[in-house]
Amino acid sequence: MKIKKIVVLAAICVVAAVTCAAMFVGCGTSGAQEVIITGSTSVTPLMEKLAEAFEAKNQDVTILITGSGSSQGIADAQKGACEIGMSSRALKTEELENLESIEICKDGIAIIVNKNCELTNVTSEQVYDLYAQGTAIGNVNTPINRSNGSGTRDGFNELIKNADGNSLKELKELKGETQDQTGSVIERVAGAENVMGYISLGSLNDRVKAVSLDGVEASVENIMSGEYKLQRPFVLAVKKGATLSDAAQRFLDFIRSDEGKQIIRDFGCII
């Protein structure tokens, strides 16, 4: 597989100036055209699947994917440090001034607990109280947050509300711990029975357990019907007015093709 995956923290500068220059030249040392994509660690696993299928049919292209957080991907796209930025939230009004937003699918946010945890269902009010005040739900007393800049954090905090309709997003501080990446959230939850976290539904695996929210299971069917409320868009950001390289344009066209859409559906996302 030709994908060169780089996983870095959101605070790290993901692309040096020399790399940026190489991108616009459109070729690396191997002679292949390179497309640099940075951003959401929730979108990253899906993008890797798409890139793998695309590269298998386009031997002249290498897709370089860096999971660095939605805000970093958006910032990189704005300043031209990448051709495509990945975001697991909708772009803000001020970001849309110089970026084009391409929604490729919708994704659910799964609330996860340890496989041995007795919880199978939680209410939005219970989750709010856990993250806002540290109020335990059964034996779960430690909430896991995502870091600032995470699109998954933005979506979760905006959608989880208390009985009065107030969202977690309105609070200055939240209880619990913080993890920077989807994989680290899964690791933390898989290793302790008293913690709760949240991840992209498409990243859910058998190491952890997803609980229902307000009696509704986190599933593709329930997201499509609108019954499951924890959902958000997966968005690609490209700079307005910029001409994409031939390789980047071909990759975008592949993502929007029937084959690309099927890969997205197989991943567990909704088109």
Protein backbone atom coordinates (compact mmCIF):
# COMPACT_ATOMS: atom_id res chain seq x y z
CA MET A 1 0.00 0.00 0.00
CA LYS A 2 1.46 3.33 -1.03
CA ILE A 3 -0.26 5.54 1.50
CA LYS A 4 2.24 7.34 3.75
CA LYS A 5 0.23 7.92 6.92
CA ILE A 6 1.56 10.44 9.39
CA VAL A 7 -0.18 10.74 12.77
CA VAL A 8 0.75 13.88 14.67
CA LEU A 9 -0.66 15.99 17.48
CA ALA A 10 -2.84 18.94 16.49
CA ALA A 11 -0.38 21.43 17.99
CA ILE A 12 2.50 20.26 15.75
CA CYS A 13 3.10 22.06 12.47
CA VAL A 14 2.29 19.37 9.96
CA VAL A 15 3.85 20.65 6.77
CA ALA A 16 7.23 22.39 6.38
CA ALA A 17 7.75 25.00 3.71
CA VAL A 18 9.90 22.69 1.61
CA THR A 19 7.16 20.05 1.62
CA CYS A 20 4.64 22.67 0.61
CA ALA A 21 6.83 23.68 -2.31
CA ALA A 22 7.15 20.06 -3.39
CA MET A 23 3.39 19.71 -3.39
CA PHE A 24 2.90 22.48 -5.88
CA VAL A 25 5.58 21.06 -8.12
CA GLY A 26 3.38 17.95 -8.07
CA CYS A 27 5.97 15.24 -7.74
CA GLY A 28 8.16 13.59 -5.11
CA THR A 29 11.45 11.79 -5.29
CA SER A 30 9.75 8.72 -6.76
CA GLY A 31 8.32 10.76 -9.62
CA ALA A 32 4.76 10.25 -8.42
CA GLN A 33 2.42 13.20 -8.07
CA GLU A 34 1.72 13.87 -4.39
CA VAL A 35 -1.48 15.18 -2.83
CA ILE A 36 -1.18 16.48 0.73
CA ILE A 37 -4.28 16.12 2.90
CA THR A 38 -4.40 17.11 6.58
CA GLY A 39 -7.03 17.47 9.29
CA SER A 40 -9.62 15.52 11.24
CA THR A 41 -8.49 12.26 12.82
CA SER A 42 -12.11 11.08 12.52
CA VAL A 43 -12.11 11.58 8.75
CA THR A 44 -8.58 10.17 8.38
CA PRO A 45 -9.48 6.42 8.47
CA LEU A 46 -12.13 6.95 5.78
CA MET A 47 -9.73 9.03 3.68
CA GLU A 48 -7.14 6.25 3.94
CA LYS A 49 -9.66 3.73 2.55
CA LEU A 50 -10.49 6.05 -0.33
CA ALA A 51 -6.83 6.78 -1.01
CA GLU A 52 -5.92 3.09 -1.04
CA ALA A 53 -8.57 2.33 -3.66
CA PHE A 54 -7.65 5.39 -5.70
CA GLU A 55 -3.91 4.66 -5.67
CA ALA A 56 -4.53 1.09 -6.81
CA LYS A 57 -5.90 2.52 -10.07
CA ASN A 58 -3.63 5.57 -10.27
CA GLN A 59 -0.04 4.43 -9.89
CA ASP A 60 1.24 7.92 -10.70
CA VAL A 61 -0.27 9.45 -7.54
CA THR A 62 0.66 9.23 -3.86
CA ILE A 63 -1.83 10.53 -1.28
CA LEU A 64 -0.13 11.87 1.86
CA ILE A 65 -2.57 11.92 4.79
CA THR A 66 -1.89 13.61 8.12
CA GLY A 67 -4.36 13.28 11.02
CA SER A 68 -3.95 16.54 12.92
CA GLY A 69 -7.42 17.76 13.92
CA SER A 70 -10.15 19.58 12.02
CA SER A 71 -8.97 23.08 12.91
CA GLN A 72 -5.44 22.31 11.74
CA GLY A 73 -6.68 20.91 8.44
CA ILE A 74 -8.83 23.98 7.87
CA ALA A 75 -5.93 26.28 8.73
CA ASP A 76 -3.61 24.34 6.41
CA ALA A 77 -6.08 24.67 3.54
CA GLN A 78 -6.46 28.40 4.18
CA LYS A 79 -2.73 29.07 4.05
CA GLY A 80 -2.00 26.65 1.21
CA ALA A 81 -0.04 24.14 3.29
CA CYS A 82 -2.26 21.37 1.95
CA GLU A 83 -4.52 21.04 -1.05
CA ILE A 84 -7.35 19.40 0.88
CA GLY A 85 -8.25 19.89 4.53
CA MET A 86 -10.40 17.35 6.41
CA SER A 87 -13.03 18.49 8.92
CA SER A 88 -15.54 16.56 11.00
CA ARG A 89 -17.65 19.67 11.52
CA ALA A 90 -19.30 22.22 9.26
CA LEU A 91 -17.09 25.14 8.32
CA LYS A 92 -17.75 28.38 10.18
CA THR A 93 -18.99 31.51 8.42
CA GLU A 94 -15.60 33.20 8.64
CA GLU A 95 -13.86 30.09 7.27
CA LEU A 96 -16.17 30.02 4.27
CA GLU A 97 -14.91 33.45 3.22
CA ASN A 98 -11.86 31.87 1.58
CA LEU A 99 -12.62 28.15 1.61
CA GLU A 100 -14.99 25.94 -0.34
CA SER A 101 -16.78 23.28 1.73
CA ILE A 102 -17.35 19.88 0.12
CA GLU A 103 -19.55 17.61 2.25
CA ILE A 104 -18.79 14.00 1.39
CA CYS A 105 -21.05 12.28 3.93
CA LYS A 106 -22.64 12.40 7.36
CA ASP A 107 -21.30 10.52 10.36
CA GLY A 108 -22.70 9.60 13.74
CA ILE A 109 -20.86 10.23 16.99
CA ALA A 110 -20.94 7.08 19.09
CA ILE A 111 -20.80 7.31 22.90
CA ILE A 112 -18.54 4.47 24.02
CA VAL A 113 -17.86 2.60 27.26
CA ASN A 114 -15.81 -0.41 28.26
CA LYS A 115 -17.14 -3.74 26.99
CA ASN A 116 -17.64 -4.91 30.59
CA CYS A 117 -19.59 -1.80 31.59
CA GLU A 118 -23.22 -2.49 32.51
CA LEU A 119 -24.51 0.64 30.76
CA THR A 120 -26.44 0.07 27.54
CA ASN A 121 -28.35 3.36 27.32
CA VAL A 122 -27.81 6.90 28.56
CA THR A 123 -29.81 10.11 28.30
CA SER A 124 -28.49 13.38 26.97
CA GLU A 125 -29.09 14.88 30.43
CA GLN A 126 -26.99 12.17 32.10
CA VAL A 127 -24.13 12.69 29.67
CA TYR A 128 -24.35 16.46 30.13
CA ASP A 129 -24.14 16.12 33.91
CA LEU A 130 -21.17 13.74 33.65
CA TYR A 131 -19.17 16.12 31.46
CA ALA A 132 -20.37 19.34 33.10
CA GLN A 133 -20.35 18.35 36.77
CA GLY A 134 -18.69 14.95 37.02
CA THR A 135 -21.95 13.28 38.06
CA ALA A 136 -21.46 9.52 37.67
CA ILE A 137 -23.67 7.35 35.49
CA GLY A 138 -23.65 4.02 37.28
CA ASN A 139 -19.99 3.18 37.78
CA VAL A 140 -18.86 5.56 35.00
CA ASN A 141 -17.34 8.63 36.63
CA THR A 142 -14.57 9.74 34.24
CA PRO A 143 -15.51 11.43 30.95
CA ILE A 144 -12.99 11.56 28.10
CA ASN A 145 -12.93 14.76 26.06
CA ARG A 146 -11.31 15.45 22.72
CA SER A 147 -8.82 18.30 22.46
CA ASN A 148 -9.70 21.81 21.35
CA GLY A 149 -9.79 21.99 17.57
CA SER A 150 -11.40 18.58 17.20
CA GLY A 151 -14.47 18.57 14.98
CA THR A 152 -15.81 15.60 16.92
CA ARG A 153 -15.54 17.61 20.15
CA ASP A 154 -17.35 20.56 18.55
CA GLY A 155 -20.18 18.34 17.33
CA PHE A 156 -20.53 16.44 20.60
CA ASN A 157 -20.47 19.56 22.78
CA GLU A 158 -23.01 21.32 20.59
CA LEU A 159 -25.46 18.41 20.51
CA ILE A 160 -25.34 17.16 24.12
CA LYS A 161 -27.79 19.25 26.16
CA ASN A 162 -29.41 19.28 29.59
CA ALA A 163 -33.12 19.40 30.36
CA ASP A 164 -33.14 23.20 29.92
CA GLY A 165 -31.65 22.96 26.43
CA ASN A 166 -28.21 24.24 27.41
CA SER A 167 -25.34 22.59 25.53
CA LEU A 168 -21.88 21.57 26.71
CA LYS A 169 -20.50 24.02 24.15
CA GLU A 170 -21.65 26.91 26.35
CA LEU A 171 -19.40 25.84 29.23
CA LYS A 172 -15.88 27.19 29.65
CA GLU A 173 -14.53 24.01 31.25
CA LEU A 174 -15.51 20.35 31.19
CA LYS A 175 -14.74 17.59 33.65
CA GLY A 176 -12.55 14.58 32.96
CA GLU A 177 -9.53 13.87 30.79
CA THR A 178 -8.54 14.89 27.28
CA GLN A 179 -7.29 12.69 24.45
CA ASP A 180 -5.99 14.08 21.17
CA GLN A 181 -6.97 11.32 18.75
CA THR A 182 -9.75 8.84 18.05
CA GLY A 183 -7.41 5.89 18.61
CA SER A 184 -6.31 7.15 22.02
CA VAL A 185 -9.93 7.54 23.13
CA ILE A 186 -10.61 3.92 22.19
CA GLU A 187 -7.47 2.77 24.02
CA ARG A 188 -8.43 4.66 27.17
CA VAL A 189 -12.02 3.39 27.22
CA ALA A 190 -10.97 -0.19 26.41
CA GLY A 191 -8.64 -0.16 29.40
CA ALA A 192 -10.98 1.01 32.17
CA GLU A 193 -14.57 0.24 33.16
CA ASN A 194 -15.26 3.64 34.73
CA VAL A 195 -14.66 5.88 31.69
CA MET A 196 -16.83 7.15 28.85
CA GLY A 197 -15.77 8.72 25.56
CA TYR A 198 -17.07 9.50 22.10
CA ILE A 199 -15.79 8.70 18.63
CA SER A 200 -16.86 8.61 15.01
CA LEU A 201 -19.34 5.78 14.39
CA GLY A 202 -17.19 4.69 11.46
CA SER A 203 -14.23 4.17 13.82
CA LEU A 204 -16.17 1.93 16.22
CA ASN A 205 -14.60 -1.49 16.76
CA ASP A 206 -15.12 -4.51 19.01
CA ARG A 207 -12.69 -3.29 21.66
CA VAL A 208 -15.34 -0.95 23.09
CA LYS A 209 -19.13 -0.79 23.30
CA ALA A 210 -21.45 1.92 21.97
CA VAL A 211 -24.41 2.80 24.17
CA SER A 212 -27.78 4.05 22.95
CA LEU A 213 -28.65 7.71 23.48
CA ASP A 214 -32.15 8.48 24.73
CA GLY A 215 -33.15 4.94 23.79
CA VAL A 216 -31.90 5.20 20.19
CA GLU A 217 -29.06 3.01 18.94
CA ALA A 218 -26.15 4.60 17.10
CA SER A 219 -26.68 3.05 13.66
CA VAL A 220 -26.67 4.11 10.03
CA GLU A 221 -30.41 3.52 9.80
CA ASN A 222 -31.16 5.73 12.80
CA ILE A 223 -28.88 8.47 11.53
CA MET A 224 -30.60 8.40 8.13
CA SER A 225 -34.02 8.65 9.75
CA GLY A 226 -32.89 11.48 12.03
CA GLU A 227 -33.78 9.57 15.20
CA TYR A 228 -30.19 9.45 16.41
CA LYS A 229 -29.29 13.05 17.16
CA LEU A 230 -25.51 12.81 17.53
CA GLN A 231 -24.49 13.30 13.93
CA ARG A 232 -22.34 15.75 11.96
CA PRO A 233 -20.93 16.21 8.44
CA PHE A 234 -17.58 15.05 7.11
CA VAL A 235 -16.28 17.97 5.06
CA LEU A 236 -13.33 18.56 2.75
CA ALA A 237 -12.02 22.14 2.60
CA VAL A 238 -10.27 23.55 -0.46
CA LYS A 239 -9.07 27.11 -0.97
CA LYS A 240 -11.37 29.32 -3.03
CA GLY A 241 -9.85 30.53 -6.26
CA ALA A 242 -6.99 28.04 -6.14
CA THR A 243 -6.52 25.60 -8.99
CA LEU A 244 -6.11 22.08 -7.65
CA SER A 245 -3.36 19.91 -9.05
CA ASP A 246 -4.44 17.33 -11.59
CA ALA A 247 -3.88 14.57 -9.02
CA ALA A 248 -5.94 16.30 -6.31
CA GLN A 249 -8.80 16.97 -8.72
CA ARG A 250 -8.79 13.34 -9.87
CA PHE A 251 -8.91 12.18 -6.25
CA LEU A 252 -11.86 14.46 -5.47
CA ASP A 253 -13.64 13.16 -8.57
CA PHE A 254 -12.99 9.59 -7.37
CA ILE A 255 -14.44 10.35 -3.92
CA ARG A 256 -17.64 11.59 -5.59
CA SER A 257 -17.82 8.67 -8.02
CA ASP A 258 -20.06 5.64 -7.51
CA GLU A 259 -17.05 3.61 -6.39
CA GLY A 260 -16.01 6.27 -3.90
CA LYS A 261 -19.53 6.58 -2.53
CA GLN A 262 -19.70 2.82 -2.00
CA ILE A 263 -16.45 2.90 -0.02
CA ILE A 264 -17.95 5.65 2.14
CA ARG A 265 -21.10 3.60 2.73
CA ASP A 266 -19.08 0.46 3.54
CA PHE A 267 -17.14 2.51 6.09
CA GLY A 268 -20.41 3.19 7.92
CA CYS A 269 -21.09 6.75 6.85
CA ILE A 270 -24.16 8.13 5.13
CA ILE A 271 -24.51 9.78 1.74
